[in-house]
């Protein structure tokens, strides 16, 4: 089983969402506990990330197999989530 962690930026994005959307996202993120690689692998400069689809929203995260964690870096609407992730400083 993996731990699911949200970065401070992801928490801020999550808290800004409508409560109905938050509940859908929460239930979808819980699925990462058992299968953290279910999201789509991204390409190009975001190749180290995966994207978990939730209707029109996405959670962009990395899987750390060594520490058994899925770290969520951003949550938001599909139209601008990838630009937001690109603008975040990547460790």
PDB file of N, CA and C in Angstrom:
ATOM      1  N   UNK A   1       0.824  -1.178   0.000  1.00  0.00           N
ATOM      2  CA  UNK A   1       0.000   0.000   0.000  1.00  0.00           C
ATOM      3  C   UNK A   1       0.883   1.262   0.000  1.00  0.00           C
ATOM      4  N   UNK A   2       0.470   2.244  -0.764  1.00  0.00           N
ATOM      5  CA  UNK A   2       1.215   3.495  -0.891  1.00  0.00           C
ATOM      6  C   UNK A   2       0.534   4.597  -0.087  1.00  0.00           C
ATOM      7  N   UNK A   3       1.331   5.552   0.345  1.00  0.00           N
ATOM      8  CA  UNK A   3       0.813   6.760   0.978  1.00  0.00           C
ATOM      9  C   UNK A   3       0.556   7.785  -0.112  1.00  0.00           C
ATOM     10  N   UNK A   4      -0.496   8.559   0.027  1.00  0.00           N
ATOM     11  CA  UNK A   4      -0.785   9.630  -0.923  1.00  0.00           C
ATOM     12  C   UNK A   4      -0.580  10.951  -0.190  1.00  0.00           C
ATOM     13  N   UNK A   5       0.351  11.763  -0.697  1.00  0.00           N
ATOM     14  CA  UNK A   5       0.667  13.048  -0.075  1.00  0.00           C
ATOM     15  C   UNK A   5       0.405  14.166  -1.071  1.00  0.00           C
ATOM     16  N   UNK A   6      -0.038  15.296  -0.583  1.00  0.00           N
ATOM     17  CA  UNK A   6      -0.228  16.471  -1.416  1.00  0.00           C
ATOM     18  C   UNK A   6       0.796  17.527  -1.021  1.00  0.00           C
ATOM     19  N   UNK A   7       1.400  18.152  -2.013  1.00  0.00           N
ATOM     20  CA  UNK A   7       2.319  19.253  -1.736  1.00  0.00           C
ATOM     21  C   UNK A   7       1.488  20.446  -1.260  1.00  0.00           C
ATOM     22  N   UNK A   8       2.120  21.439  -0.635  1.00  0.00           N
ATOM     23  CA  UNK A   8       1.370  22.638  -0.221  1.00  0.00           C
ATOM     24  C   UNK A   8       0.640  23.311  -1.394  1.00  0.00           C
ATOM     25  N   UNK A   9       1.262  23.318  -2.567  1.00  0.00           N
ATOM     26  CA  UNK A   9       0.618  23.917  -3.744  1.00  0.00           C
ATOM     27  C   UNK A   9      -0.628  23.124  -4.137  1.00  0.00           C
ATOM     28  N   UNK A  10      -0.553  21.805  -4.071  1.00  0.00           N
ATOM     29  CA  UNK A  10      -1.706  20.962  -4.410  1.00  0.00           C
ATOM     30  C   UNK A  10      -2.826  21.135  -3.398  1.00  0.00           C
ATOM     31  N   UNK A  11      -2.481  21.285  -2.129  1.00  0.00           N
ATOM     32  CA  UNK A  11      -3.492  21.516  -1.087  1.00  0.00           C
ATOM     33  C   UNK A  11      -4.222  22.828  -1.358  1.00  0.00           C
ATOM     34  N   UNK A  12      -3.479  23.851  -1.723  1.00  0.00           N
ATOM     35  CA  UNK A  12      -4.076  25.158  -2.021  1.00  0.00           C
ATOM     36  C   UNK A  12      -5.027  25.057  -3.221  1.00  0.00           C
ATOM     37  N   UNK A  13      -4.592  24.337  -4.260  1.00  0.00           N
ATOM     38  CA  UNK A  13      -5.436  24.157  -5.448  1.00  0.00           C
ATOM     39  C   UNK A  13      -6.695  23.362  -5.091  1.00  0.00           C
ATOM     40  N   UNK A  14      -6.524  22.319  -4.288  1.00  0.00           N
ATOM     41  CA  UNK A  14      -7.643  21.467  -3.873  1.00  0.00           C
ATOM     42  C   UNK A  14      -8.658  22.285  -3.062  1.00  0.00           C
ATOM     43  N   UNK A  15      -8.186  23.078  -2.122  1.00  0.00           N
ATOM     44  CA  UNK A  15      -9.077  23.869  -1.272  1.00  0.00           C
ATOM     45  C   UNK A  15      -9.860  24.926  -2.040  1.00  0.00           C
ATOM     46  N   UNK A  16      -9.367  25.335  -3.192  1.00  0.00           N
ATOM     47  CA  UNK A  16     -10.046  26.356  -4.001  1.00  0.00           C
ATOM     48  C   UNK A  16     -11.189  25.781  -4.839  1.00  0.00           C
ATOM     49  N   UNK A  17     -11.324  24.462  -4.867  1.00  0.00           N
ATOM     50  CA  UNK A  17     -12.340  23.822  -5.702  1.00  0.00           C
ATOM     51  C   UNK A  17     -13.707  23.773  -5.021  1.00  0.00           C
ATOM     52  N   UNK A  18     -14.726  23.561  -5.826  1.00  0.00           N
ATOM     53  CA  UNK A  18     -16.100  23.415  -5.339  1.00  0.00           C
ATOM     54  C   UNK A  18     -16.209  22.119  -4.528  1.00  0.00           C
ATOM     55  N   UNK A  19     -17.004  22.109  -3.461  1.00  0.00           N
ATOM     56  CA  UNK A  19     -17.118  20.913  -2.603  1.00  0.00           C
ATOM     57  C   UNK A  19     -17.503  19.628  -3.348  1.00  0.00           C
ATOM     58  N   UNK A  20     -18.357  19.718  -4.340  1.00  0.00           N
ATOM     59  CA  UNK A  20     -18.750  18.530  -5.109  1.00  0.00           C
ATOM     60  C   UNK A  20     -17.550  17.951  -5.851  1.00  0.00           C
ATOM     61  N   UNK A  21     -16.769  18.822  -6.440  1.00  0.00           N
ATOM     62  CA  UNK A  21     -15.576  18.388  -7.176  1.00  0.00           C
ATOM     63  C   UNK A  21     -14.553  17.814  -6.203  1.00  0.00           C
ATOM     64  N   UNK A  22     -14.414  18.445  -5.042  1.00  0.00           N
ATOM     65  CA  UNK A  22     -13.484  17.948  -4.014  1.00  0.00           C
ATOM     66  C   UNK A  22     -13.799  16.513  -3.630  1.00  0.00           C
ATOM     67  N   UNK A  23     -15.069  16.202  -3.436  1.00  0.00           N
ATOM     68  CA  UNK A  23     -15.426  14.836  -3.015  1.00  0.00           C
ATOM     69  C   UNK A  23     -15.101  13.825  -4.104  1.00  0.00           C
ATOM     70  N   UNK A  24     -15.335  14.177  -5.369  1.00  0.00           N
ATOM     71  CA  UNK A  24     -14.976  13.273  -6.476  1.00  0.00           C
ATOM     72  C   UNK A  24     -13.464  13.048  -6.522  1.00  0.00           C
ATOM     73  N   UNK A  25     -12.718  14.126  -6.368  1.00  0.00           N
ATOM     74  CA  UNK A  25     -11.261  14.043  -6.414  1.00  0.00           C
ATOM     75  C   UNK A  25     -10.740  13.207  -5.253  1.00  0.00           C
ATOM     76  N   UNK A  26     -11.292  13.420  -4.065  1.00  0.00           N
ATOM     77  CA  UNK A  26     -10.871  12.653  -2.891  1.00  0.00           C
ATOM     78  C   UNK A  26     -11.049  11.162  -3.105  1.00  0.00           C
ATOM     79  N   UNK A  27     -12.213  10.765  -3.612  1.00  0.00           N
ATOM     80  CA  UNK A  27     -12.456   9.338  -3.811  1.00  0.00           C
ATOM     81  C   UNK A  27     -11.537   8.765  -4.884  1.00  0.00           C
ATOM     82  N   UNK A  28     -11.248   9.554  -5.896  1.00  0.00           N
ATOM     83  CA  UNK A  28     -10.334   9.085  -6.963  1.00  0.00           C
ATOM     84  C   UNK A  28      -8.898   8.975  -6.440  1.00  0.00           C
ATOM     85  N   UNK A  29      -8.479   9.915  -5.607  1.00  0.00           N
ATOM     86  CA  UNK A  29      -7.125   9.871  -5.053  1.00  0.00           C
ATOM     87  C   UNK A  29      -6.943   8.667  -4.126  1.00  0.00           C
ATOM     88  N   UNK A  30      -8.010   8.247  -3.461  1.00  0.00           N
ATOM     89  CA  UNK A  30      -7.929   7.083  -2.586  1.00  0.00           C
ATOM     90  C   UNK A  30      -7.550   5.820  -3.355  1.00  0.00           C
ATOM     91  N   UNK A  31      -7.881   5.781  -4.640  1.00  0.00           N
ATOM     92  CA  UNK A  31      -7.528   4.631  -5.474  1.00  0.00           C
ATOM     93  C   UNK A  31      -6.011   4.494  -5.646  1.00  0.00           C
ATOM     94  N   UNK A  32      -5.286   5.594  -5.463  1.00  0.00           N
ATOM     95  CA  UNK A  32      -3.826   5.547  -5.603  1.00  0.00           C
ATOM     96  C   UNK A  32      -3.169   4.740  -4.482  1.00  0.00           C
ATOM     97  N   UNK A  33      -3.860   4.561  -3.362  1.00  0.00           N
ATOM     98  CA  UNK A  33      -3.304   3.767  -2.257  1.00  0.00           C
ATOM     99  C   UNK A  33      -2.924   2.364  -2.732  1.00  0.00           C
ATOM    100  N   UNK A  34      -3.787   1.789  -3.560  1.00  0.00           N
ATOM    101  CA  UNK A  34      -3.580   0.406  -3.992  1.00  0.00           C
ATOM    102  C   UNK A  34      -2.905   0.292  -5.352  1.00  0.00           C
ATOM    103  N   UNK A  35      -3.108   1.272  -6.203  1.00  0.00           N
ATOM    104  CA  UNK A  35      -2.537   1.210  -7.546  1.00  0.00           C
ATOM    105  C   UNK A  35      -2.035   2.595  -7.958  1.00  0.00           C
ATOM    106  N   UNK A  36      -0.843   2.983  -7.510  1.00  0.00           N
ATOM    107  CA  UNK A  36      -0.354   4.336  -7.781  1.00  0.00           C
ATOM    108  C   UNK A  36       0.027   4.588  -9.244  1.00  0.00           C
ATOM    109  N   UNK A  37       0.167   3.548 -10.020  1.00  0.00           N
ATOM    110  CA  UNK A  37       0.577   3.738 -11.423  1.00  0.00           C
ATOM    111  C   UNK A  37      -0.601   3.742 -12.388  1.00  0.00           C
ATOM    112  N   UNK A  38      -1.807   3.890 -11.881  1.00  0.00           N
ATOM    113  CA  UNK A  38      -2.967   3.845 -12.760  1.00  0.00           C
ATOM    114  C   UNK A  38      -3.128   5.081 -13.634  1.00  0.00           C
ATOM    115  N   UNK A  39      -2.557   6.196 -13.237  1.00  0.00           N
ATOM    116  CA  UNK A  39      -2.648   7.413 -14.046  1.00  0.00           C
ATOM    117  C   UNK A  39      -1.800   7.303 -15.305  1.00  0.00           C
ATOM    118  N   UNK A  40      -2.112   8.154 -16.250  1.00  0.00           N
ATOM    119  CA  UNK A  40      -1.401   8.172 -17.534  1.00  0.00           C
ATOM    120  C   UNK A  40      -0.021   8.815 -17.359  1.00  0.00           C
ATOM    121  N   UNK A  41       0.998   8.181 -17.901  1.00  0.00           N
ATOM    122  CA  UNK A  41       2.351   8.745 -17.869  1.00  0.00           C
ATOM    123  C   UNK A  41       2.401   9.941 -18.819  1.00  0.00           C
ATOM    124  N   UNK A  42       2.973  11.034 -18.346  1.00  0.00           N
ATOM    125  CA  UNK A  42       3.075  12.237 -19.169  1.00  0.00           C
ATOM    126  C   UNK A  42       4.359  12.204 -19.992  1.00  0.00           C
ATOM    127  N   UNK A  43       4.465  13.127 -20.943  1.00  0.00           N
ATOM    128  CA  UNK A  43       5.614  13.140 -21.853  1.00  0.00           C
ATOM    129  C   UNK A  43       6.379  14.449 -21.792  1.00  0.00           C
ATOM    130  N   UNK A  44       7.466  14.472 -22.519  1.00  0.00           N
ATOM    131  CA  UNK A  44       8.325  15.650 -22.673  1.00  0.00           C
ATOM    132  C   UNK A  44       8.855  16.138 -21.334  1.00  0.00           C
ATOM    133  N   UNK A  45       8.728  17.450 -21.047  1.00  0.00           N
ATOM    134  CA  UNK A  45       9.319  17.983 -19.815  1.00  0.00           C
ATOM    135  C   UNK A  45       8.594  17.508 -18.564  1.00  0.00           C
ATOM    136  N   UNK A  46       7.425  16.907 -18.708  1.00  0.00           N
ATOM    137  CA  UNK A  46       6.675  16.368 -17.561  1.00  0.00           C
ATOM    138  C   UNK A  46       6.740  14.843 -17.501  1.00  0.00           C
ATOM    139  N   UNK A  47       7.750  14.268 -18.102  1.00  0.00           N
ATOM    140  CA  UNK A  47       7.826  12.809 -18.217  1.00  0.00           C
ATOM    141  C   UNK A  47       7.976  12.079 -16.884  1.00  0.00           C
ATOM    142  N   UNK A  48       8.372  12.765 -15.839  1.00  0.00           N
ATOM    143  CA  UNK A  48       8.505  12.101 -14.540  1.00  0.00           C
ATOM    144  C   UNK A  48       7.177  12.097 -13.768  1.00  0.00           C
ATOM    145  N   UNK A  49       6.131  12.683 -14.363  1.00  0.00           N
ATOM    146  CA  UNK A  49       4.824  12.782 -13.713  1.00  0.00           C
ATOM    147  C   UNK A  49       3.807  11.845 -14.347  1.00  0.00           C
ATOM    148  N   UNK A  50       2.727  11.632 -13.611  1.00  0.00           N
ATOM    149  CA  UNK A  50       1.575  10.890 -14.107  1.00  0.00           C
ATOM    150  C   UNK A  50       0.355  11.783 -13.913  1.00  0.00           C
ATOM    151  N   UNK A  51      -0.697  11.521 -14.686  1.00  0.00           N
ATOM    152  CA  UNK A  51      -1.914  12.324 -14.595  1.00  0.00           C
ATOM    153  C   UNK A  51      -3.101  11.406 -14.326  1.00  0.00           C
ATOM    154  N   UNK A  52      -3.819  11.682 -13.252  1.00  0.00           N
ATOM    155  CA  UNK A  52      -5.000  10.918 -12.882  1.00  0.00           C
ATOM    156  C   UNK A  52      -6.224  11.705 -13.321  1.00  0.00           C
ATOM    157  N   UNK A  53      -7.039  11.084 -14.151  1.00  0.00           N
ATOM    158  CA  UNK A  53      -8.188  11.740 -14.765  1.00  0.00           C
ATOM    159  C   UNK A  53      -9.422  11.620 -13.865  1.00  0.00           C
ATOM    160  N   UNK A  54     -10.133  12.752 -13.689  1.00  0.00           N
ATOM    161  CA  UNK A  54     -11.378  12.795 -12.935  1.00  0.00           C
ATOM    162  C   UNK A  54     -12.332  13.705 -13.686  1.00  0.00           C
ATOM    163  N   UNK A  55     -13.052  13.150 -14.645  1.00  0.00           N
ATOM    164  CA  UNK A  55     -13.904  13.926 -15.558  1.00  0.00           C
ATOM    165  C   UNK A  55     -13.089  15.045 -16.189  1.00  0.00           C
ATOM    166  N   UNK A  56     -13.400  16.313 -15.895  1.00  0.00           N
ATOM    167  CA  UNK A  56     -12.670  17.428 -16.512  1.00  0.00           C
ATOM    168  C   UNK A  56     -11.480  17.884 -15.685  1.00  0.00           C
ATOM    169  N   UNK A  57     -11.198  17.201 -14.610  1.00  0.00           N
ATOM    170  CA  UNK A  57     -10.115  17.586 -13.722  1.00  0.00           C
ATOM    171  C   UNK A  57      -8.989  16.564 -13.757  1.00  0.00           C
ATOM    172  N   UNK A  58      -7.805  17.016 -13.379  1.00  0.00           N
ATOM    173  CA  UNK A  58      -6.635  16.141 -13.347  1.00  0.00           C
ATOM    174  C   UNK A  58      -5.865  16.367 -12.053  1.00  0.00           C
ATOM    175  N   UNK A  59      -5.252  15.289 -11.584  1.00  0.00           N
ATOM    176  CA  UNK A  59      -4.285  15.370 -10.490  1.00  0.00           C
ATOM    177  C   UNK A  59      -2.961  14.930 -11.090  1.00  0.00           C
ATOM    178  N   UNK A  60      -1.962  15.767 -10.988  1.00  0.00           N
ATOM    179  CA  UNK A  60      -0.648  15.456 -11.541  1.00  0.00           C
ATOM    180  C   UNK A  60       0.255  15.069 -10.376  1.00  0.00           C
ATOM    181  N   UNK A  61       0.855  13.877 -10.488  1.00  0.00           N
ATOM    182  CA  UNK A  61       1.606  13.331  -9.358  1.00  0.00           C
ATOM    183  C   UNK A  61       2.809  12.526  -9.823  1.00  0.00           C
ATOM    184  N   UNK A  62       3.676  12.227  -8.870  1.00  0.00           N
ATOM    185  CA  UNK A  62       4.839  11.354  -9.086  1.00  0.00           C
ATOM    186  C   UNK A  62       4.724  10.175  -8.141  1.00  0.00           C
ATOM    187  N   UNK A  63       5.216   9.038  -8.588  1.00  0.00           N
ATOM    188  CA  UNK A  63       5.236   7.844  -7.744  1.00  0.00           C
ATOM    189  C   UNK A  63       6.666   7.622  -7.273  1.00  0.00           C
ATOM    190  N   UNK A  64       6.824   7.482  -5.965  1.00  0.00           N
ATOM    191  CA  UNK A  64       8.118   7.190  -5.362  1.00  0.00           C
ATOM    192  C   UNK A  64       8.032   5.766  -4.817  1.00  0.00           C
ATOM    193  N   UNK A  65       8.513   4.804  -5.618  1.00  0.00           N
ATOM    194  CA  UNK A  65       8.416   3.390  -5.239  1.00  0.00           C
ATOM    195  C   UNK A  65       9.292   3.072  -4.034  1.00  0.00           C
ATOM    196  N   UNK A  66      10.407   3.756  -3.915  1.00  0.00           N
ATOM    197  CA  UNK A  66      11.327   3.491  -2.810  1.00  0.00           C
ATOM    198  C   UNK A  66      10.671   3.786  -1.452  1.00  0.00           C
ATOM    199  N   UNK A  67       9.955   4.905  -1.380  1.00  0.00           N
ATOM    200  CA  UNK A  67       9.298   5.294  -0.130  1.00  0.00           C
ATOM    201  C   UNK A  67       7.817   4.922  -0.094  1.00  0.00           C
ATOM    202  N   UNK A  68       7.352   4.259  -1.164  1.00  0.00           N
ATOM    203  CA  UNK A  68       5.949   3.851  -1.292  1.00  0.00           C
ATOM    204  C   UNK A  68       5.004   5.038  -1.094  1.00  0.00           C
ATOM    205  N   UNK A  69       5.225   6.067  -1.936  1.00  0.00           N
ATOM    206  CA  UNK A  69       4.410   7.271  -1.881  1.00  0.00           C
ATOM    207  C   UNK A  69       3.977   7.694  -3.278  1.00  0.00           C
ATOM    208  N   UNK A  70       2.795   8.296  -3.330  1.00  0.00           N
ATOM    209  CA  UNK A  70       2.337   9.000  -4.523  1.00  0.00           C
ATOM    210  C   UNK A  70       2.200  10.453  -4.084  1.00  0.00           C
ATOM    211  N   UNK A  71       3.018  11.332  -4.658  1.00  0.00           N
ATOM    212  CA  UNK A  71       3.041  12.735  -4.251  1.00  0.00           C
ATOM    213  C   UNK A  71       2.316  13.561  -5.309  1.00  0.00           C
ATOM    214  N   UNK A  72       1.218  14.187  -4.905  1.00  0.00           N
ATOM    215  CA  UNK A  72       0.407  15.000  -5.810  1.00  0.00           C
ATOM    216  C   UNK A  72       0.962  16.416  -5.814  1.00  0.00           C
ATOM    217  N   UNK A  73       1.295  16.918  -7.011  1.00  0.00           N
ATOM    218  CA  UNK A  73       1.879  18.243  -7.157  1.00  0.00           C
ATOM    219  C   UNK A  73       0.859  19.297  -7.559  1.00  0.00           C
ATOM    220  N   UNK A  74      -0.207  18.890  -8.261  1.00  0.00           N
ATOM    221  CA  UNK A  74      -1.201  19.867  -8.708  1.00  0.00           C
ATOM    222  C   UNK A  74      -2.530  19.173  -8.967  1.00  0.00           C
ATOM    223  N   UNK A  75      -3.602  19.920  -8.730  1.00  0.00           N
ATOM    224  CA  UNK A  75      -4.954  19.448  -9.001  1.00  0.00           C
ATOM    225  C   UNK A  75      -5.693  20.602  -9.647  1.00  0.00           C
ATOM    226  N   UNK A  76      -6.347  20.342 -10.785  1.00  0.00           N
ATOM    227  CA  UNK A  76      -7.089  21.420 -11.426  1.00  0.00           C
ATOM    228  C   UNK A  76      -7.752  20.992 -12.715  1.00  0.00           C
ATOM    229  N   UNK A  77      -8.354  21.954 -13.379  1.00  0.00           N
ATOM    230  CA  UNK A  77      -9.065  21.716 -14.631  1.00  0.00           C
ATOM    231  C   UNK A  77      -8.078  21.342 -15.728  1.00  0.00           C
ATOM    232  N   UNK A  78      -8.498  20.487 -16.611  1.00  0.00           N
ATOM    233  CA  UNK A  78      -7.601  19.985 -17.663  1.00  0.00           C
ATOM    234  C   UNK A  78      -7.096  21.063 -18.601  1.00  0.00           C
ATOM    235  N   UNK A  79      -7.819  22.165 -18.736  1.00  0.00           N
ATOM    236  CA  UNK A  79      -7.414  23.189 -19.703  1.00  0.00           C
ATOM    237  C   UNK A  79      -6.112  23.891 -19.327  1.00  0.00           C
ATOM    238  N   UNK A  80      -5.781  23.934 -18.006  1.00  0.00           N
ATOM    239  CA  UNK A  80      -4.564  24.666 -17.632  1.00  0.00           C
ATOM    240  C   UNK A  80      -3.692  23.961 -16.602  1.00  0.00           C
ATOM    241  N   UNK A  81      -4.003  22.747 -16.248  1.00  0.00           N
ATOM    242  CA  UNK A  81      -3.253  22.068 -15.186  1.00  0.00           C
ATOM    243  C   UNK A  81      -1.804  21.801 -15.588  1.00  0.00           C
ATOM    244  N   UNK A  82      -1.557  21.456 -16.824  1.00  0.00           N
ATOM    245  CA  UNK A  82      -0.195  21.099 -17.235  1.00  0.00           C
ATOM    246  C   UNK A  82       0.715  22.321 -17.272  1.00  0.00           C
ATOM    247  N   UNK A  83       0.166  23.481 -17.627  1.00  0.00           N
ATOM    248  CA  UNK A  83       0.958  24.714 -17.587  1.00  0.00           C
ATOM    249  C   UNK A  83       1.290  25.067 -16.137  1.00  0.00           C
ATOM    250  N   UNK A  84       0.335  24.829 -15.242  1.00  0.00           N
ATOM    251  CA  UNK A  84       0.565  25.126 -13.826  1.00  0.00           C
ATOM    252  C   UNK A  84       1.652  24.228 -13.256  1.00  0.00           C
ATOM    253  N   UNK A  85       1.670  22.969 -13.659  1.00  0.00           N
ATOM    254  CA  UNK A  85       2.699  22.046 -13.179  1.00  0.00           C
ATOM    255  C   UNK A  85       4.059  22.457 -13.727  1.00  0.00           C
ATOM    256  N   UNK A  86       4.102  22.855 -14.979  1.00  0.00           N
ATOM    257  CA  UNK A  86       5.368  23.278 -15.579  1.00  0.00           C
ATOM    258  C   UNK A  86       5.955  24.476 -14.859  1.00  0.00           C
ATOM    259  N   UNK A  87       5.080  25.331 -14.329  1.00  0.00           N
ATOM    260  CA  UNK A  87       5.562  26.539 -13.653  1.00  0.00           C
ATOM    261  C   UNK A  87       6.045  26.267 -12.234  1.00  0.00           C
ATOM    262  N   UNK A  88       5.649  25.129 -11.643  1.00  0.00           N
ATOM    263  CA  UNK A  88       6.105  24.787 -10.304  1.00  0.00           C
ATOM    264  C   UNK A  88       7.555  24.343 -10.347  1.00  0.00           C
ATOM    265  N   UNK A  89       8.278  24.625  -9.294  1.00  0.00           N
ATOM    266  CA  UNK A  89       9.663  24.159  -9.237  1.00  0.00           C
ATOM    267  C   UNK A  89       9.656  22.669  -8.964  1.00  0.00           C
ATOM    268  N   UNK A  90      10.329  21.932  -9.813  1.00  0.00           N
ATOM    269  CA  UNK A  90      10.376  20.486  -9.678  1.00  0.00           C
ATOM    270  C   UNK A  90      11.622  20.095  -8.889  1.00  0.00           C
ATOM    271  N   UNK A  91      11.439  19.220  -7.879  1.00  0.00           N
ATOM    272  CA  UNK A  91      12.598  18.785  -7.074  1.00  0.00           C
ATOM    273  C   UNK A  91      13.533  17.882  -7.855  1.00  0.00           C
TER     274      UNK A  91
END
